[in-house]
Structures are given as structure tokens and as C-alpha cells.
């Protein structure tokens, strides 16, 4: 499971959040997008004990993080 926290994303970041939510947002698909007041333009991606802070936004790094950790928590060590 990857959780993406946001507050006031830039336009490119908001577009990526929409894309990721559409791509992986179905129940049990492994990505949750959730508001977190106080972050401003920063996005934080979290997967168990790993985090990635994006400020400025980097869509390639965010996509790589999702690919690396989505579905690979302790409950599903191999996807």
C-alpha cells in the first residue's frame, strides 16, 4: 500500500494525483490519495517504513516509488 498525502498541489502534481488515483484507486489496488493540511505544495508518498517527499514535484520519482512499493508490504512480500 502506498499512501500519497497532499495539501495544495501544483497543477502538474494535481494532474499526476488524478492519474495515479484513476490508475490505482480502485479498492484494494494499492494506492490511497489523502489530504493532509499544512503540506502546501509538498507531496509525501509513504509505504510502510519508506517515504518520499516531493518538493518540488517530480512525477518520475513518484511513479518509480509507486512501482517499487505498491503491493509489496509485509502482507504481500512478492507481487
C-alpha atoms as a PDB file:
ATOM      1  CA  UNK A   1       0.000   0.000   0.000  1.00  0.00           C
ATOM      2  CA  UNK A   2       1.249   3.451  -0.947  1.00  0.00           C
ATOM      3  CA  UNK A   3      -0.402   6.476   0.657  1.00  0.00           C
ATOM      4  CA  UNK A   4       0.056   9.838  -1.033  1.00  0.00           C
ATOM      5  CA  UNK A   5      -0.516  12.876   1.170  1.00  0.00           C
ATOM      6  CA  UNK A   6      -1.163  16.288  -0.371  1.00  0.00           C
ATOM      7  CA  UNK A   7      -2.462  19.726   0.568  1.00  0.00           C
ATOM      8  CA  UNK A   8      -2.241  22.315  -2.225  1.00  0.00           C
ATOM      9  CA  UNK A   9      -0.519  20.568  -5.122  1.00  0.00           C
ATOM     10  CA  UNK A  10       0.777  22.410  -8.161  1.00  0.00           C
ATOM     11  CA  UNK A  11      -1.107  21.847 -11.417  1.00  0.00           C
ATOM     12  CA  UNK A  12       1.333  19.140 -12.645  1.00  0.00           C
ATOM     13  CA  UNK A  13       1.191  17.413  -9.250  1.00  0.00           C
ATOM     14  CA  UNK A  14      -2.628  17.550  -9.183  1.00  0.00           C
ATOM     15  CA  UNK A  15      -2.753  16.044 -12.672  1.00  0.00           C
ATOM     16  CA  UNK A  16      -0.421  13.231 -11.574  1.00  0.00           C
ATOM     17  CA  UNK A  17      -2.515  12.602  -8.438  1.00  0.00           C
ATOM     18  CA  UNK A  18      -5.636  12.333 -10.598  1.00  0.00           C
ATOM     19  CA  UNK A  19      -3.845   9.964 -12.969  1.00  0.00           C
ATOM     20  CA  UNK A  20      -2.478   7.768 -10.170  1.00  0.00           C
ATOM     21  CA  UNK A  21      -5.870   7.709  -8.428  1.00  0.00           C
ATOM     22  CA  UNK A  22      -7.572   6.671 -11.679  1.00  0.00           C
ATOM     23  CA  UNK A  23      -4.915   4.059 -12.404  1.00  0.00           C
ATOM     24  CA  UNK A  24      -4.607   2.554  -8.924  1.00  0.00           C
ATOM     25  CA  UNK A  25      -7.540   3.991  -6.961  1.00  0.00           C
ATOM     26  CA  UNK A  26      -9.891   1.035  -7.107  1.00  0.00           C
ATOM     27  CA  UNK A  27     -10.475  -0.730  -3.799  1.00  0.00           C
ATOM     28  CA  UNK A  28      -7.513  -2.875  -2.823  1.00  0.00           C
ATOM     29  CA  UNK A  29      -5.360  -1.696  -5.741  1.00  0.00           C
ATOM     30  CA  UNK A  30      -2.589  -0.397  -3.528  1.00  0.00           C
ATOM     31  CA  UNK A  31      -2.680   3.429  -3.698  1.00  0.00           C
ATOM     32  CA  UNK A  32      -4.586   5.839  -1.461  1.00  0.00           C
ATOM     33  CA  UNK A  33      -4.563   9.601  -2.078  1.00  0.00           C
ATOM     34  CA  UNK A  34      -5.383  11.571   1.068  1.00  0.00           C
ATOM     35  CA  UNK A  35      -5.400  15.251   2.049  1.00  0.00           C
ATOM     36  CA  UNK A  36      -3.043  16.382   4.797  1.00  0.00           C
ATOM     37  CA  UNK A  37      -3.362  20.062   5.712  1.00  0.00           C
ATOM     38  CA  UNK A  38      -0.177  22.010   6.199  1.00  0.00           C
ATOM     39  CA  UNK A  39       1.921  20.418   3.451  1.00  0.00           C
ATOM     40  CA  UNK A  40       1.494  23.262   0.975  1.00  0.00           C
ATOM     41  CA  UNK A  41       2.819  22.123  -2.414  1.00  0.00           C
ATOM     42  CA  UNK A  42       4.743  19.180  -0.921  1.00  0.00           C
ATOM     43  CA  UNK A  43       3.602  15.626  -1.625  1.00  0.00           C
ATOM     44  CA  UNK A  44       4.584  12.797   0.696  1.00  0.00           C
ATOM     45  CA  UNK A  45       4.430   9.207  -0.504  1.00  0.00           C
ATOM     46  CA  UNK A  46       4.556   6.582   2.222  1.00  0.00           C
ATOM     47  CA  UNK A  47       4.797   2.805   2.058  1.00  0.00           C
ATOM     48  CA  UNK A  48       5.333   1.079   5.368  1.00  0.00           C
ATOM     49  CA  UNK A  49       8.761   2.268   6.548  1.00  0.00           C
ATOM     50  CA  UNK A  50       9.646   4.116   3.362  1.00  0.00           C
ATOM     51  CA  UNK A  51       8.798   7.707   2.487  1.00  0.00           C
ATOM     52  CA  UNK A  52       9.443  10.006  -0.424  1.00  0.00           C
ATOM     53  CA  UNK A  53       8.998  13.759  -0.071  1.00  0.00           C
ATOM     54  CA  UNK A  54       8.415  15.585  -3.339  1.00  0.00           C
ATOM     55  CA  UNK A  55       9.084  19.309  -3.167  1.00  0.00           C
ATOM     56  CA  UNK A  56       9.408  20.292  -5.924  1.00  0.00           C
ATOM     57  CA  UNK A  57       7.147  17.771  -7.612  1.00  0.00           C
ATOM     58  CA  UNK A  58       8.888  15.049  -9.637  1.00  0.00           C
ATOM     59  CA  UNK A  59       6.413  12.792 -11.401  1.00  0.00           C
ATOM     60  CA  UNK A  60       9.032  10.261 -12.487  1.00  0.00           C
ATOM     61  CA  UNK A  61      10.282   9.820  -8.913  1.00  0.00           C
ATOM     62  CA  UNK A  62       6.717   9.456  -7.637  1.00  0.00           C
ATOM     63  CA  UNK A  63       5.862   6.865 -10.289  1.00  0.00           C
ATOM     64  CA  UNK A  64       9.072   4.938  -9.515  1.00  0.00           C
ATOM     65  CA  UNK A  65       8.198   4.921  -5.788  1.00  0.00           C
ATOM     66  CA  UNK A  66       4.696   3.616  -6.520  1.00  0.00           C
ATOM     67  CA  UNK A  67       6.099   0.943  -8.811  1.00  0.00           C
ATOM     68  CA  UNK A  68       8.711  -0.102  -6.236  1.00  0.00           C
ATOM     69  CA  UNK A  69       6.397  -0.354  -3.223  1.00  0.00           C
ATOM     70  CA  UNK A  70       2.768  -0.812  -4.349  1.00  0.00           C
ATOM     71  CA  UNK A  71       1.628  -4.280  -3.338  1.00  0.00           C
ATOM     72  CA  UNK A  72       4.923  -5.156  -1.641  1.00  0.00           C
ATOM     73  CA  UNK A  73       4.145  -4.655   2.028  1.00  0.00           C
ATOM     74  CA  UNK A  74       4.667  -7.367   4.619  1.00  0.00           C
ATOM     75  CA  UNK A  75       1.296  -8.884   3.777  1.00  0.00           C
ATOM     76  CA  UNK A  76       2.407  -9.402   0.132  1.00  0.00           C
ATOM     77  CA  UNK A  77       6.234  -9.581   0.026  1.00  0.00           C
ATOM     78  CA  UNK A  78       6.306 -10.501  -3.668  1.00  0.00           C
ATOM     79  CA  UNK A  79       3.970  -9.111  -6.282  1.00  0.00           C
END
